[in-house]
N, C-alpha and C. Protein backbone atom coordinates (compact mmCIF):
# COMPACT_ATOMS: atom_id res chain seq x y z
N MET A 1 -10.92 21.46 41.27
CA MET A 1 -10.45 21.68 39.94
C MET A 1 -9.60 22.95 39.87
N LEU A 2 -10.04 23.97 40.57
CA LEU A 2 -9.29 25.22 40.56
C LEU A 2 -7.91 25.03 41.18
N LEU A 3 -7.84 24.25 42.24
CA LEU A 3 -6.56 23.97 42.89
C LEU A 3 -5.61 23.25 41.93
N ARG A 4 -6.13 22.27 41.20
CA ARG A 4 -5.29 21.54 40.23
C ARG A 4 -4.84 22.47 39.11
N PHE A 5 -5.71 23.37 38.68
CA PHE A 5 -5.36 24.34 37.65
C PHE A 5 -4.22 25.24 38.14
N ARG A 6 -4.36 25.74 39.38
CA ARG A 6 -3.33 26.59 39.96
C ARG A 6 -2.01 25.84 40.11
N GLU A 7 -2.07 24.59 40.54
CA GLU A 7 -0.85 23.79 40.70
C GLU A 7 -0.17 23.56 39.35
N GLY A 8 -0.95 23.33 38.31
CA GLY A 8 -0.39 23.18 36.97
C GLY A 8 0.31 24.44 36.51
N LEU A 9 -0.33 25.58 36.73
CA LEU A 9 0.28 26.85 36.36
C LEU A 9 1.54 27.11 37.19
N LYS A 10 1.48 26.72 38.46
CA LYS A 10 2.61 26.94 39.35
C LYS A 10 3.81 26.08 38.95
N SER A 11 3.55 24.85 38.50
CA SER A 11 4.65 23.94 38.16
C SER A 11 5.48 24.46 36.99
N LEU A 12 4.90 25.26 36.14
CA LEU A 12 5.63 25.79 35.00
C LEU A 12 6.09 27.23 35.20
N GLY A 13 5.82 27.79 36.38
CA GLY A 13 6.23 29.15 36.66
C GLY A 13 5.26 30.19 36.12
N VAL A 14 4.15 29.75 35.54
CA VAL A 14 3.19 30.68 34.95
C VAL A 14 2.44 31.44 36.04
N LEU A 15 2.11 30.78 37.12
CA LEU A 15 1.37 31.44 38.20
C LEU A 15 2.17 32.61 38.77
N ASP A 16 3.47 32.42 38.95
CA ASP A 16 4.31 33.51 39.45
C ASP A 16 4.32 34.67 38.45
N ALA A 17 4.41 34.35 37.16
CA ALA A 17 4.40 35.40 36.14
C ALA A 17 3.06 36.13 36.14
N MET A 18 1.97 35.38 36.32
CA MET A 18 0.64 35.99 36.33
C MET A 18 0.49 36.97 37.49
N THR A 19 1.02 36.60 38.64
CA THR A 19 0.88 37.49 39.80
C THR A 19 1.84 38.67 39.71
N SER A 20 2.96 38.49 39.04
CA SER A 20 3.92 39.59 38.89
C SER A 20 3.53 40.57 37.79
N PHE A 21 2.90 40.05 36.74
CA PHE A 21 2.56 40.87 35.57
C PHE A 21 1.07 40.76 35.26
N THR A 22 0.26 41.18 36.21
CA THR A 22 -1.19 41.03 36.06
C THR A 22 -1.74 41.75 34.84
N SER A 23 -1.20 42.90 34.50
CA SER A 23 -1.73 43.65 33.36
C SER A 23 -1.50 42.92 32.04
N VAL A 24 -0.44 42.13 31.96
CA VAL A 24 -0.16 41.37 30.74
C VAL A 24 -1.12 40.20 30.61
N PHE A 25 -1.45 39.56 31.72
CA PHE A 25 -2.29 38.37 31.69
C PHE A 25 -3.79 38.68 31.77
N GLU A 26 -4.14 39.89 32.13
CA GLU A 26 -5.55 40.24 32.26
C GLU A 26 -6.36 39.95 30.99
N PRO A 27 -5.87 40.29 29.79
CA PRO A 27 -6.66 40.00 28.59
C PRO A 27 -6.87 38.51 28.35
N VAL A 28 -6.00 37.68 28.89
CA VAL A 28 -6.13 36.24 28.71
C VAL A 28 -7.27 35.69 29.56
N PHE A 29 -7.40 36.18 30.78
CA PHE A 29 -8.35 35.62 31.73
C PHE A 29 -9.59 36.47 31.96
N CYS A 30 -9.64 37.67 31.43
CA CYS A 30 -10.78 38.55 31.62
C CYS A 30 -11.33 38.97 30.25
N TYR A 31 -12.61 38.82 30.07
CA TYR A 31 -13.24 39.18 28.80
C TYR A 31 -13.19 40.69 28.59
N THR A 32 -12.82 41.08 27.39
CA THR A 32 -12.82 42.47 26.97
C THR A 32 -13.51 42.55 25.63
N ALA A 33 -14.53 43.36 25.52
CA ALA A 33 -15.28 43.46 24.27
C ALA A 33 -14.45 44.11 23.17
N ASN A 34 -13.41 44.85 23.54
CA ASN A 34 -12.61 45.58 22.57
C ASN A 34 -11.64 44.71 21.79
N LYS A 35 -11.17 43.62 22.39
CA LYS A 35 -10.15 42.82 21.73
C LYS A 35 -10.36 41.35 22.02
N ALA A 36 -10.43 40.57 20.95
CA ALA A 36 -10.57 39.12 21.12
C ALA A 36 -9.19 38.50 21.30
N MET A 37 -9.10 37.48 22.14
CA MET A 37 -7.85 36.76 22.32
C MET A 37 -7.73 35.75 21.19
N THR A 38 -6.69 35.86 20.42
CA THR A 38 -6.47 34.96 19.29
C THR A 38 -5.35 33.98 19.63
N ALA A 39 -5.22 32.96 18.80
CA ALA A 39 -4.15 31.99 18.99
C ALA A 39 -2.79 32.66 18.88
N SER A 40 -2.64 33.54 17.91
CA SER A 40 -1.34 34.20 17.75
C SER A 40 -1.03 35.13 18.92
N ALA A 41 -2.05 35.80 19.47
CA ALA A 41 -1.82 36.66 20.64
C ALA A 41 -1.41 35.81 21.84
N MET A 42 -2.01 34.65 21.98
CA MET A 42 -1.66 33.75 23.08
C MET A 42 -0.22 33.24 22.92
N GLN A 43 0.17 32.93 21.70
CA GLN A 43 1.53 32.47 21.44
C GLN A 43 2.55 33.54 21.82
N GLU A 44 2.21 34.79 21.60
CA GLU A 44 3.13 35.88 21.88
C GLU A 44 3.33 36.12 23.38
N LEU A 45 2.40 35.62 24.20
CA LEU A 45 2.53 35.78 25.65
C LEU A 45 3.66 34.93 26.22
N PHE A 46 3.95 33.82 25.58
CA PHE A 46 4.93 32.87 26.10
C PHE A 46 6.04 32.65 25.08
N LEU A 47 7.27 32.88 25.49
CA LEU A 47 8.42 32.64 24.63
C LEU A 47 9.21 31.48 25.23
N PRO A 48 9.22 30.33 24.54
CA PRO A 48 9.89 29.16 25.11
C PRO A 48 11.41 29.30 25.09
N ARG A 49 12.04 28.74 26.08
CA ARG A 49 13.49 28.62 26.12
C ARG A 49 13.81 27.18 25.76
N LEU A 50 14.32 26.98 24.57
CA LEU A 50 14.51 25.64 24.04
C LEU A 50 15.94 25.15 24.25
N SER A 51 16.08 23.83 24.28
CA SER A 51 17.40 23.20 24.37
C SER A 51 18.14 23.39 23.05
N PRO A 52 19.43 23.11 23.03
CA PRO A 52 20.21 23.29 21.79
C PRO A 52 19.66 22.45 20.63
N VAL A 53 19.78 23.02 19.43
CA VAL A 53 19.35 22.31 18.22
C VAL A 53 20.13 21.01 18.10
N GLY A 54 19.43 19.94 17.74
CA GLY A 54 20.06 18.64 17.57
C GLY A 54 19.99 17.75 18.80
N SER A 55 19.65 18.31 19.93
CA SER A 55 19.56 17.49 21.15
C SER A 55 18.23 16.73 21.18
N ASN A 56 18.21 15.64 21.94
CA ASN A 56 16.98 14.86 22.08
C ASN A 56 15.88 15.67 22.74
N LYS A 57 16.26 16.49 23.72
CA LYS A 57 15.27 17.32 24.40
C LYS A 57 14.65 18.31 23.44
N ARG A 58 15.45 18.85 22.52
CA ARG A 58 14.93 19.84 21.56
C ARG A 58 13.84 19.22 20.70
N GLN A 59 14.03 17.99 20.26
CA GLN A 59 13.01 17.33 19.44
C GLN A 59 11.71 17.18 20.23
N MET A 60 11.80 16.78 21.49
CA MET A 60 10.61 16.65 22.32
C MET A 60 9.95 18.01 22.55
N GLU A 61 10.77 19.04 22.74
CA GLU A 61 10.23 20.40 22.92
C GLU A 61 9.52 20.87 21.66
N ASN A 62 10.11 20.59 20.50
CA ASN A 62 9.46 20.96 19.24
C ASN A 62 8.12 20.25 19.08
N ASP A 63 8.08 18.96 19.45
CA ASP A 63 6.82 18.22 19.39
C ASP A 63 5.78 18.84 20.31
N THR A 64 6.20 19.23 21.51
CA THR A 64 5.28 19.86 22.47
C THR A 64 4.79 21.19 21.95
N LEU A 65 5.68 21.99 21.37
CA LEU A 65 5.27 23.28 20.80
C LEU A 65 4.27 23.10 19.67
N CYS A 66 4.51 22.12 18.82
CA CYS A 66 3.56 21.85 17.73
C CYS A 66 2.19 21.49 18.31
N TRP A 67 2.17 20.65 19.35
CA TRP A 67 0.91 20.29 19.99
C TRP A 67 0.23 21.53 20.55
N TRP A 68 0.99 22.38 21.22
CA TRP A 68 0.45 23.60 21.84
C TRP A 68 -0.15 24.53 20.78
N TYR A 69 0.59 24.74 19.68
CA TYR A 69 0.10 25.63 18.62
C TYR A 69 -1.15 25.05 17.96
N ASP A 70 -1.18 23.74 17.75
CA ASP A 70 -2.38 23.09 17.22
C ASP A 70 -3.56 23.27 18.17
N PHE A 71 -3.29 23.09 19.47
CA PHE A 71 -4.34 23.26 20.47
C PHE A 71 -4.91 24.68 20.42
N LEU A 72 -4.03 25.68 20.35
CA LEU A 72 -4.49 27.07 20.30
C LEU A 72 -5.33 27.34 19.05
N GLN A 73 -4.89 26.82 17.92
CA GLN A 73 -5.64 27.01 16.68
C GLN A 73 -7.02 26.35 16.77
N ASN A 74 -7.06 25.15 17.32
CA ASN A 74 -8.34 24.45 17.47
C ASN A 74 -9.25 25.17 18.45
N ALA A 75 -8.68 25.66 19.55
CA ALA A 75 -9.49 26.38 20.54
C ALA A 75 -10.04 27.67 19.94
N GLU A 76 -9.23 28.36 19.15
CA GLU A 76 -9.70 29.59 18.51
C GLU A 76 -10.82 29.28 17.53
N GLY A 77 -10.69 28.18 16.81
CA GLY A 77 -11.72 27.80 15.84
C GLY A 77 -13.03 27.40 16.50
N MET A 78 -12.97 26.92 17.74
CA MET A 78 -14.17 26.50 18.45
C MET A 78 -14.88 27.67 19.12
N CYS A 79 -14.22 28.79 19.27
CA CYS A 79 -14.80 29.95 19.95
C CYS A 79 -15.92 30.54 19.11
N THR A 80 -17.07 30.74 19.73
CA THR A 80 -18.23 31.28 19.00
C THR A 80 -18.68 32.62 19.55
N LEU A 81 -17.85 33.28 20.37
CA LEU A 81 -18.25 34.57 20.93
C LEU A 81 -18.15 35.66 19.91
């Protein structure tokens, strides 16, 4: 499972970013009692590069972003720590 997780992160270039900028990603993957990871904080970690407005790809990207933001909100709501 860990290998599949790493491969998924690698396919999007996230794994390279994680290894290059460990201090930025540490709060995401390591528990800190001082600061809770929120959906909005997670959104700020990743800035999408979108296709031009009006293109077919842009509509699919917007749909994916909406799914991602919904996922983050649901995950934050399920957190009981």
